[in-house]
Every structure is written in C-alpha cells, then in structure tokens.
N, C-alpha and C. Protein backbone atom coordinates (compact mmCIF):
# COMPACT_ATOMS: atom_id res chain seq x y z
N MET A 1 -153.57 -101.51 52.38
CA MET A 1 -152.44 -100.64 53.38
C MET A 1 -152.44 -101.66 54.80
N LEU A 2 -151.59 -101.55 55.22
CA LEU A 2 -150.36 -101.53 56.67
C LEU A 2 -150.41 -100.85 57.38
N LEU A 3 -150.69 -101.11 58.69
CA LEU A 3 -150.70 -100.69 59.82
C LEU A 3 -149.73 -100.98 60.76
N LEU A 4 -148.77 -100.66 61.50
CA LEU A 4 -147.67 -100.89 62.44
C LEU A 4 -148.12 -100.82 64.10
N THR A 5 -148.06 -101.69 64.82
CA THR A 5 -148.63 -101.51 65.94
C THR A 5 -146.95 -101.19 66.64
N GLY A 6 -146.97 -101.35 68.15
CA GLY A 6 -146.10 -100.79 69.01
C GLY A 6 -145.14 -102.25 69.07
N CYS A 7 -145.87 -103.30 69.05
CA CYS A 7 -144.47 -104.42 69.33
C CYS A 7 -144.03 -105.00 67.75
N PRO A 8 -143.12 -105.17 67.81
CA PRO A 8 -142.14 -105.55 66.98
C PRO A 8 -142.66 -106.98 66.24
N GLY A 9 -142.22 -107.22 65.08
CA GLY A 9 -143.18 -108.42 64.37
C GLY A 9 -144.29 -108.61 63.80
N THR A 10 -144.67 -107.69 64.68
CA THR A 10 -146.66 -108.06 64.17
C THR A 10 -147.07 -106.58 63.71
N VAL A 11 -148.13 -107.52 62.19
CA VAL A 11 -149.08 -106.56 61.82
C VAL A 11 -150.28 -106.30 61.97
N THR A 12 -150.78 -105.39 61.53
CA THR A 12 -152.33 -105.36 61.32
C THR A 12 -152.50 -105.61 59.99
N GLY A 13 -153.63 -106.40 59.89
CA GLY A 13 -153.93 -106.55 58.52
C GLY A 13 -155.35 -105.43 58.09
N PRO A 14 -155.74 -105.05 56.59
CA PRO A 14 -156.73 -104.37 56.90
C PRO A 14 -158.23 -104.83 57.58
N ASP A 15 -158.40 -106.18 57.87
CA ASP A 15 -159.71 -106.51 58.03
C ASP A 15 -159.36 -106.64 59.99
N GLY A 16 -158.33 -106.10 60.66
CA GLY A 16 -157.78 -105.70 61.57
C GLY A 16 -157.36 -107.12 62.64
N ARG A 17 -156.71 -108.09 61.72
CA ARG A 17 -156.18 -109.45 62.06
C ARG A 17 -154.86 -109.06 62.93
N THR A 18 -154.31 -109.59 63.32
CA THR A 18 -152.76 -109.33 64.12
C THR A 18 -151.96 -110.01 63.20
N LEU A 19 -150.80 -109.88 62.21
CA LEU A 19 -150.37 -111.05 61.42
C LEU A 19 -148.91 -110.92 62.10
N GLN A 20 -148.20 -112.11 62.21
CA GLN A 20 -146.67 -112.53 62.28
C GLN A 20 -146.15 -111.43 61.56
N ALA A 21 -145.09 -111.13 61.78
CA ALA A 21 -144.42 -110.33 60.84
C ALA A 21 -143.08 -111.28 60.41
N ALA A 22 -142.19 -111.12 58.93
CA ALA A 22 -141.32 -112.24 59.14
C ALA A 22 -140.49 -111.81 59.88
N SER A 23 -139.64 -112.98 60.57
CA SER A 23 -138.21 -112.35 61.54
C SER A 23 -137.49 -112.06 60.64
N PRO A 24 -136.50 -111.22 60.79
CA PRO A 24 -135.50 -110.43 59.99
C PRO A 24 -134.31 -111.39 59.90
N PRO A 25 -133.60 -111.76 59.00
CA PRO A 25 -132.83 -112.65 58.61
C PRO A 25 -131.60 -112.00 59.63
N PRO A 26 -131.35 -113.33 60.15
CA PRO A 26 -129.98 -113.28 61.06
C PRO A 26 -129.09 -112.57 60.41
N PRO A 27 -127.69 -112.26 61.05
CA PRO A 27 -126.68 -111.54 60.32
C PRO A 27 -126.26 -112.18 59.53
N ALA A 28 -125.52 -111.95 58.90
CA ALA A 28 -124.60 -112.39 58.10
C ALA A 28 -123.40 -112.86 58.82
N ARG A 29 -122.70 -114.10 58.77
CA ARG A 29 -121.67 -114.55 59.32
C ARG A 29 -120.59 -114.33 59.06
N THR A 30 -119.33 -113.92 59.47
CA THR A 30 -118.22 -113.83 58.48
C THR A 30 -117.41 -115.08 59.43
N ALA A 31 -116.65 -115.99 58.36
CA ALA A 31 -115.53 -116.32 58.69
C ALA A 31 -114.34 -115.86 59.33
N THR A 32 -114.44 -116.03 60.53
CA THR A 32 -112.96 -115.38 61.11
C THR A 32 -112.12 -116.65 61.76
N ARG A 33 -110.91 -115.89 61.66
CA ARG A 33 -109.12 -117.10 61.92
C ARG A 33 -109.15 -116.73 63.28
N GLU A 34 -108.92 -117.51 64.23
CA GLU A 34 -108.06 -117.02 65.20
C GLU A 34 -106.54 -117.05 65.17
N ALA A 35 -105.79 -116.72 65.69
CA ALA A 35 -104.60 -116.39 65.70
C ALA A 35 -103.98 -117.72 65.86
N PRO A 36 -103.27 -118.31 64.91
CA PRO A 36 -102.33 -119.71 65.59
C PRO A 36 -101.48 -119.82 67.32
N LYS A 37 -101.78 -120.64 67.66
CA LYS A 37 -101.10 -120.74 69.08
C LYS A 37 -99.95 -121.05 69.10
N PRO A 38 -98.56 -120.15 69.71
CA PRO A 38 -97.68 -120.74 69.59
C PRO A 38 -96.90 -122.26 69.85
N SER A 39 -96.19 -122.97 68.74
CA SER A 39 -95.99 -124.26 69.27
C SER A 39 -95.05 -124.39 70.44
N VAL A 40 -94.45 -123.38 71.30
CA VAL A 40 -93.77 -123.45 72.19
C VAL A 40 -93.65 -123.13 73.26
N LYS A 41 -93.63 -124.08 74.35
CA LYS A 41 -94.34 -124.70 75.67
C LYS A 41 -93.35 -123.40 76.16
N PRO A 42 -94.21 -122.74 77.11
CA PRO A 42 -93.15 -121.97 78.24
C PRO A 42 -92.44 -122.81 79.21
N ALA A 43 -91.43 -122.37 79.44
CA ALA A 43 -89.90 -122.67 80.63
C ALA A 43 -91.14 -122.76 82.07
N ALA A 44 -90.77 -124.04 82.52
CA ALA A 44 -91.25 -124.41 84.05
C ALA A 44 -90.51 -123.04 84.97
N LYS A 45 -91.16 -122.91 86.08
CA LYS A 45 -90.76 -122.39 86.73
C LYS A 45 -89.82 -123.00 87.47
N ALA A 46 -88.84 -122.10 88.00
CA ALA A 46 -87.71 -122.80 89.02
C ALA A 46 -88.63 -122.53 90.51
N ALA A 47 -88.49 -123.48 91.11
CA ALA A 47 -88.80 -123.19 92.61
C ALA A 47 -88.04 -122.35 93.47
N GLU A 48 -88.38 -120.99 93.75
CA GLU A 48 -88.26 -119.62 93.85
C GLU A 48 -87.40 -120.45 95.90
N ALA A 49 -86.61 -119.94 95.67
CA ALA A 49 -86.40 -120.03 97.79
C ALA A 49 -87.08 -118.80 97.78
N PRO A 50 -87.42 -118.73 99.22
CA PRO A 50 -87.64 -117.36 99.92
C PRO A 50 -86.20 -116.42 100.29
N VAL A 51 -86.21 -114.98 99.95
CA VAL A 51 -85.19 -114.79 99.44
C VAL A 51 -85.20 -114.30 101.64
N ARG A 52 -83.50 -114.79 102.36
CA ARG A 52 -83.55 -114.50 103.60
C ARG A 52 -82.42 -112.95 103.73
N PRO A 53 -83.30 -111.81 104.66
CA PRO A 53 -81.82 -111.07 104.65
C PRO A 53 -80.56 -111.74 105.12
N VAL A 54 -79.48 -111.26 104.78
CA VAL A 54 -78.06 -111.28 105.09
C VAL A 54 -77.86 -110.52 106.77
N PRO A 55 -77.81 -110.98 108.28
CA PRO A 55 -77.15 -110.11 108.53
C PRO A 55 -76.18 -108.86 108.26
N ALA A 56 -76.24 -107.96 109.07
CA ALA A 56 -75.13 -106.79 108.52
C ALA A 56 -74.02 -107.35 108.98
N VAL A 57 -73.95 -107.78 110.30
CA VAL A 57 -72.84 -108.63 110.87
C VAL A 57 -71.82 -109.24 109.85
N ALA A 58 -72.71 -109.87 109.07
CA ALA A 58 -72.29 -111.11 108.33
C ALA A 58 -71.72 -110.74 107.33
N MET A 59 -72.52 -110.04 106.72
CA MET A 59 -71.72 -109.15 105.37
C MET A 59 -70.78 -107.74 105.63
N ALA A 60 -70.85 -107.39 107.09
CA ALA A 60 -69.37 -106.80 107.13
C ALA A 60 -68.38 -107.64 107.52
N ALA A 61 -67.96 -108.70 108.20
CA ALA A 61 -67.23 -109.73 108.34
C ALA A 61 -66.25 -109.85 106.62
N ALA A 62 -67.24 -110.20 105.91
CA ALA A 62 -67.42 -110.54 104.24
C ALA A 62 -66.77 -109.62 103.60
N GLY A 63 -67.07 -108.56 104.04
CA GLY A 63 -66.51 -107.46 103.27
C GLY A 63 -68.10 -106.55 102.36
N ALA A 64 -68.93 -107.29 102.37
CA ALA A 64 -69.97 -106.46 102.24
C ALA A 64 -70.43 -105.67 102.21
N VAL A 65 -70.47 -104.92 103.21
CA VAL A 65 -71.07 -103.58 103.69
C VAL A 65 -69.56 -102.89 104.22
N ALA A 66 -69.23 -101.62 103.91
CA ALA A 66 -68.52 -101.44 103.96
C ALA A 66 -68.81 -99.52 104.42
N PRO A 67 -67.84 -99.04 105.23
CA PRO A 67 -68.50 -97.47 106.11
C PRO A 67 -69.11 -96.89 105.28
N ASP A 68 -68.75 -96.66 103.63
CA ASP A 68 -69.23 -96.02 102.85
C ASP A 68 -70.65 -96.07 102.73
N ALA A 69 -70.87 -97.27 102.81
CA ALA A 69 -73.06 -97.60 102.76
C ALA A 69 -73.68 -96.70 103.74
N ILE A 70 -73.12 -95.98 104.48
CA ILE A 70 -74.12 -95.29 105.23
C ILE A 70 -74.01 -93.87 104.65
N VAL A 71 -73.66 -93.28 103.80
CA VAL A 71 -73.78 -91.85 103.22
C VAL A 71 -74.81 -92.48 102.34
N GLY A 72 -75.77 -91.04 102.12
CA GLY A 72 -77.15 -91.49 101.62
C GLY A 72 -78.19 -91.85 102.58
N LEU A 73 -77.39 -92.54 103.30
CA LEU A 73 -78.97 -93.00 104.04
C LEU A 73 -79.71 -91.62 105.01
N ASP A 74 -81.04 -92.05 105.38
CA ASP A 74 -81.67 -91.24 106.02
C ASP A 74 -81.55 -91.95 107.57
N GLN A 75 -81.83 -91.25 108.66
CA GLN A 75 -81.30 -91.38 110.05
C GLN A 75 -82.22 -93.15 110.37
N GLY A 76 -83.65 -93.16 109.81
CA GLY A 76 -84.19 -94.09 110.06
C GLY A 76 -83.44 -95.28 109.74
N GLN A 77 -82.63 -95.10 107.93
CA GLN A 77 -82.09 -96.49 107.66
C GLN A 77 -81.11 -96.34 108.21
N THR A 78 -80.11 -95.37 109.39
CA THR A 78 -79.03 -95.86 109.67
C THR A 78 -79.35 -96.39 110.90
N ARG A 79 -80.54 -95.94 111.80
CA ARG A 79 -81.03 -96.23 113.08
C ARG A 79 -80.91 -97.75 112.88
N ARG A 80 -81.44 -98.43 111.68
CA ARG A 80 -81.74 -100.00 111.66
C ARG A 80 -80.49 -100.64 110.82
N LEU A 81 -79.58 -99.70 110.21
CA LEU A 81 -78.28 -100.49 110.28
C LEU A 81 -77.46 -100.58 111.47
N LEU A 82 -77.08 -99.74 112.11
CA LEU A 82 -76.44 -99.20 112.99
C LEU A 82 -77.01 -99.43 114.48
N GLY A 83 -78.02 -99.41 115.00
CA GLY A 83 -78.62 -99.26 115.71
C GLY A 83 -78.66 -98.01 116.81
N ALA A 84 -78.80 -97.55 118.09
CA ALA A 84 -79.59 -96.37 118.44
C ALA A 84 -78.13 -95.60 118.92
N PRO A 85 -77.51 -94.47 118.07
CA PRO A 85 -76.34 -93.64 118.82
C PRO A 85 -75.74 -93.87 120.42
N SER A 86 -74.69 -93.68 119.96
CA SER A 86 -74.03 -93.64 121.57
C SER A 86 -74.74 -92.06 122.22
N SER A 87 -74.66 -91.32 121.34
CA SER A 87 -75.16 -89.85 121.77
C SER A 87 -75.73 -89.04 120.44
N THR A 88 -75.79 -87.82 120.43
CA THR A 88 -76.23 -86.85 119.34
C THR A 88 -75.79 -85.51 119.36
N GLU A 89 -75.43 -84.90 118.41
CA GLU A 89 -75.52 -83.37 119.15
C GLU A 89 -75.62 -82.52 117.58
N GLU A 90 -75.80 -81.39 117.64
CA GLU A 90 -76.46 -80.54 116.79
C GLU A 90 -75.15 -79.60 116.25
N GLU A 91 -74.47 -79.46 115.37
CA GLU A 91 -73.30 -78.44 115.08
C GLU A 91 -74.10 -77.88 113.56
N THR A 92 -75.16 -77.03 113.79
CA THR A 92 -75.60 -76.26 112.58
C THR A 92 -74.77 -76.33 111.19
N PRO A 93 -74.97 -76.86 109.98
CA PRO A 93 -76.72 -77.54 109.74
C PRO A 93 -76.69 -78.93 110.23
N ALA A 94 -75.36 -79.46 110.47
CA ALA A 94 -75.34 -80.95 110.54
C ALA A 94 -76.03 -81.67 112.04
N ARG A 95 -76.75 -82.51 112.09
CA ARG A 95 -77.07 -83.37 113.06
C ARG A 95 -76.07 -84.94 113.15
N VAL A 96 -75.04 -84.48 114.42
CA VAL A 96 -74.06 -85.53 114.17
C VAL A 96 -74.48 -86.44 115.34
N TRP A 97 -74.91 -87.67 114.62
CA TRP A 97 -74.40 -88.90 115.84
C TRP A 97 -73.33 -89.51 116.04
N ARG A 98 -73.19 -89.83 116.72
CA ARG A 98 -71.94 -90.64 117.80
C ARG A 98 -71.96 -92.10 117.98
N TYR A 99 -71.08 -93.31 117.09
CA TYR A 99 -70.94 -94.42 117.75
C TYR A 99 -69.58 -94.86 118.61
N ALA A 100 -70.13 -95.53 119.51
CA ALA A 100 -68.73 -95.38 120.31
C ALA A 100 -68.26 -97.41 120.42
N ASP A 101 -67.14 -97.52 120.62
CA ASP A 101 -66.80 -99.02 120.87
C ASP A 101 -65.46 -99.26 121.57
N ALA A 102 -64.97 -99.76 122.18
CA ALA A 102 -64.23 -100.14 123.20
C ALA A 102 -62.63 -99.08 122.50
N SER A 103 -62.30 -99.08 121.22
CA SER A 103 -61.10 -99.09 120.28
C SER A 103 -61.67 -97.98 119.15
N CYS A 104 -63.03 -97.28 119.18
CA CYS A 104 -62.72 -96.65 117.98
C CYS A 104 -64.13 -96.29 118.39
N THR A 105 -64.32 -94.60 117.19
CA THR A 105 -65.49 -93.98 117.36
C THR A 105 -65.99 -93.94 115.79
N LEU A 106 -67.27 -93.50 115.61
CA LEU A 106 -67.48 -92.98 114.23
C LEU A 106 -68.50 -92.08 114.45
N ARG A 107 -68.36 -91.53 114.00
CA ARG A 107 -69.65 -90.12 114.28
C ARG A 107 -70.05 -90.07 112.90
N VAL A 108 -71.49 -89.66 112.30
CA VAL A 108 -72.18 -90.09 111.17
C VAL A 108 -72.54 -88.39 111.00
N PHE A 109 -72.77 -87.79 109.94
CA PHE A 109 -73.07 -86.65 109.99
C PHE A 109 -74.27 -86.46 108.80
N PHE A 110 -75.19 -85.82 109.35
CA PHE A 110 -76.48 -85.59 108.44
C PHE A 110 -76.62 -83.68 108.16
N TYR A 111 -77.23 -83.96 106.97
CA TYR A 111 -77.37 -82.68 106.47
C TYR A 111 -78.85 -82.77 105.61
N MET A 112 -80.02 -81.48 105.75
CA MET A 112 -80.56 -81.68 105.20
C MET A 112 -80.99 -82.16 103.60
N ASP A 113 -81.90 -82.87 103.56
CA ASP A 113 -81.68 -82.88 101.96
C ASP A 113 -82.59 -81.94 101.47
N VAL A 114 -82.81 -81.14 100.54
CA VAL A 114 -83.90 -79.90 100.40
C VAL A 114 -85.23 -80.82 99.25
N ASN A 115 -84.35 -81.72 98.41
CA ASN A 115 -85.90 -82.47 97.49
C ASN A 115 -86.61 -83.61 98.41
N SER A 116 -86.20 -84.13 99.49
CA SER A 116 -87.01 -84.84 100.56
C SER A 116 -87.65 -84.52 101.54
N GLN A 117 -86.66 -83.32 102.20
CA GLN A 117 -86.61 -82.84 103.31
C GLN A 117 -86.73 -83.58 104.41
N ASP A 118 -85.63 -84.36 104.06
CA ASP A 118 -85.10 -85.48 105.54
C ASP A 118 -83.69 -85.51 105.32
N PHE A 119 -83.03 -85.65 106.37
CA PHE A 119 -81.99 -85.60 106.93
C PHE A 119 -81.29 -86.54 106.16
N ARG A 120 -80.21 -86.90 105.85
CA ARG A 120 -79.15 -87.95 104.77
C ARG A 120 -77.42 -87.78 105.56
N ALA A 121 -77.66 -89.13 105.76
CA ALA A 121 -76.15 -89.09 105.88
C ALA A 121 -75.11 -88.56 104.62
N LEU A 122 -73.96 -87.38 104.96
CA LEU A 122 -73.13 -86.87 103.66
C LEU A 122 -72.14 -87.30 104.05
N SER A 123 -71.96 -87.40 105.56
CA SER A 123 -70.54 -88.03 105.55
C SER A 123 -70.10 -88.52 106.69
N TYR A 124 -68.87 -89.50 107.23
CA TYR A 124 -68.61 -89.92 108.47
C TYR A 124 -67.28 -89.64 108.43
N ASP A 125 -67.10 -89.99 110.51
CA ASP A 125 -65.40 -89.60 110.56
C ASP A 125 -65.24 -91.11 111.06
N MET A 126 -64.31 -91.48 111.17
CA MET A 126 -63.73 -92.26 111.91
C MET A 126 -62.54 -92.94 112.69
N LYS A 127 -62.61 -92.36 113.93
CA LYS A 127 -61.09 -92.75 114.55
C LYS A 127 -61.18 -94.16 115.27
N SER A 128 -60.07 -94.77 115.16
CA SER A 128 -59.37 -95.61 116.34
C SER A 128 -58.08 -96.13 117.02
N SER A 129 -58.24 -96.81 118.07
CA SER A 129 -57.02 -96.67 118.16
C SER A 129 -55.93 -97.93 118.00
N ASP A 130 -56.93 -99.22 116.36
CA ASP A 130 -56.11 -99.84 116.16
C ASP A 130 -55.01 -99.20 115.36
N ASN A 131 -53.85 -99.69 115.59
CA ASN A 131 -52.31 -99.15 114.60
C ASN A 131 -52.40 -100.66 113.32
N VAL A 132 -53.03 -100.44 112.51
CA VAL A 132 -53.77 -101.77 111.23
C VAL A 132 -53.91 -101.06 109.96
N ARG A 133 -53.59 -101.73 108.94
CA ARG A 133 -54.20 -101.26 107.81
C ARG A 133 -56.16 -100.94 107.43
N ASP A 134 -56.33 -102.13 108.10
CA ASP A 134 -57.85 -101.46 107.75
C ASP A 134 -58.99 -101.44 108.71
N ALA A 135 -58.33 -100.52 110.04
CA ALA A 135 -58.66 -99.99 111.13
C ALA A 135 -60.41 -99.87 110.89
N ASP A 136 -60.78 -98.31 109.84
CA ASP A 136 -62.00 -98.36 109.75
C ASP A 136 -62.74 -99.59 109.00
N ASP A 137 -62.33 -100.89 108.29
CA ASP A 137 -63.46 -101.63 108.23
C ASP A 137 -63.40 -102.62 109.45
N ARG A 138 -62.74 -102.55 110.49
CA ARG A 138 -62.72 -103.52 111.66
C ARG A 138 -63.42 -102.50 112.37
N CYS A 139 -63.63 -101.26 112.87
CA CYS A 139 -64.54 -100.63 113.31
C CYS A 139 -65.33 -100.95 113.43
N PHE A 140 -65.81 -100.38 111.84
CA PHE A 140 -67.45 -100.46 111.21
C PHE A 140 -67.97 -102.07 111.73
N ALA A 141 -67.39 -102.73 110.92
CA ALA A 141 -67.58 -104.28 111.69
C ALA A 141 -68.07 -104.56 112.87
N ARG A 142 -67.15 -104.27 114.46
CA ARG A 142 -67.78 -103.77 115.24
C ARG A 142 -68.71 -103.41 115.80
N ILE A 143 -68.84 -102.39 115.08
CA ILE A 143 -70.21 -101.30 115.54
C ILE A 143 -71.32 -101.94 115.43
N LEU A 144 -71.05 -102.48 113.96
CA LEU A 144 -72.55 -103.61 113.62
C LEU A 144 -72.71 -104.71 114.39
N ALA A 145 -71.92 -105.39 114.90
CA ALA A 145 -72.14 -106.73 116.08
C ALA A 145 -72.24 -106.24 116.63
N GLN A 146 -71.80 -104.57 117.17
CA GLN A 146 -72.47 -104.35 118.85
C GLN A 146 -74.30 -104.26 118.44
N ALA A 147 -74.54 -103.33 117.57
CA ALA A 147 -75.74 -102.62 117.18
C ALA A 147 -76.56 -104.52 117.11
N TRP A 148 -76.26 -105.35 116.38
CA TRP A 148 -77.04 -106.51 115.94
C TRP A 148 -77.07 -107.28 116.60
N GLY A 149 -75.86 -107.12 117.51
CA GLY A 149 -75.81 -108.15 118.99
C GLY A 149 -76.97 -107.54 120.15
N ASP A 150 -77.46 -106.37 120.19
CA ASP A 150 -78.40 -105.90 120.76
C ASP A 150 -79.45 -106.08 120.51
N SER A 151 -80.14 -106.30 119.19
CA SER A 151 -81.46 -106.60 118.69
C SER A 151 -81.72 -107.67 118.85
N ARG A 152 -80.59 -108.70 118.65
CA ARG A 152 -81.39 -110.12 118.64
C ARG A 152 -82.00 -110.78 120.37
C-alpha cells in the first residue's frame, strides 16, 4: 500500500520512508514550422518633407481658393480664413458677417445647422465697384489679403 502525501512527486512507503516518485515524462513535442518569410524587401521610405500650410492669399491669387470655399464653414473657420468681420448683423434666422474693402463688400450668411447645432455659412453676397469679369474673385482675394496681412 502506498500513501500519498501533500508534496507532489513524493511517496511514503509502508515502512514510513519518503521515496521520490518518478517525474512524469515531459510533454511530447510536436514539430512546428514557422511560416516562410517573404523574400521581398519592403520599399525604402522616401524622406517626407514637412507639410507647410500655404497662405490663403497665395492660394486665392493662384485661383486655388474661390469665394465658394466659405460655404459650409462654421464661424470659427470663417474667422480663421477671413479674419474678424467689419460688422455683424442678426437677420433672423441668419447671422450676417460683413467684410469690406475699398471697392467691394462681402456678406456671409450663417444659418443654424440642426445636426451640429452650430451656425454655418450657407451663402454669401459680394458687391464690387470693379467693372471686370472676375470682380468677385478679385474682391475675395483682396479680403483674404487684408485678413492675412493683419495677422502677420
């Protein structure tokens, strides 16, 4: 008769001696194969140049920013683009911001967006005393230049 005690791997014999039990065999190893590594080397990363913002004035002069770019902007985005308005008005349900240059006026109409609960530019009105084909683009470029010239 064998009597097992609380220590694993030991057995107490009939004469009271403690005998060392044989260790259980190690778990059988199964051969595992690693997935072959692709022999294609990854392409070297090109040195990334830091992206610098292009001033709005230069973009407007190049025709990259058109007056339609203000449609959909919230008031903060419009202020960052065009600067502080010359005046503001409440024309319920709209808020109207007015920007003026020596020869033109831009009015931006903000309406409440029910999804974001923020006022967004829905339309604009531009009047210019310049009698040229691209008067709106020129007016917008001058207002941008005025805004960015004040912030530098």
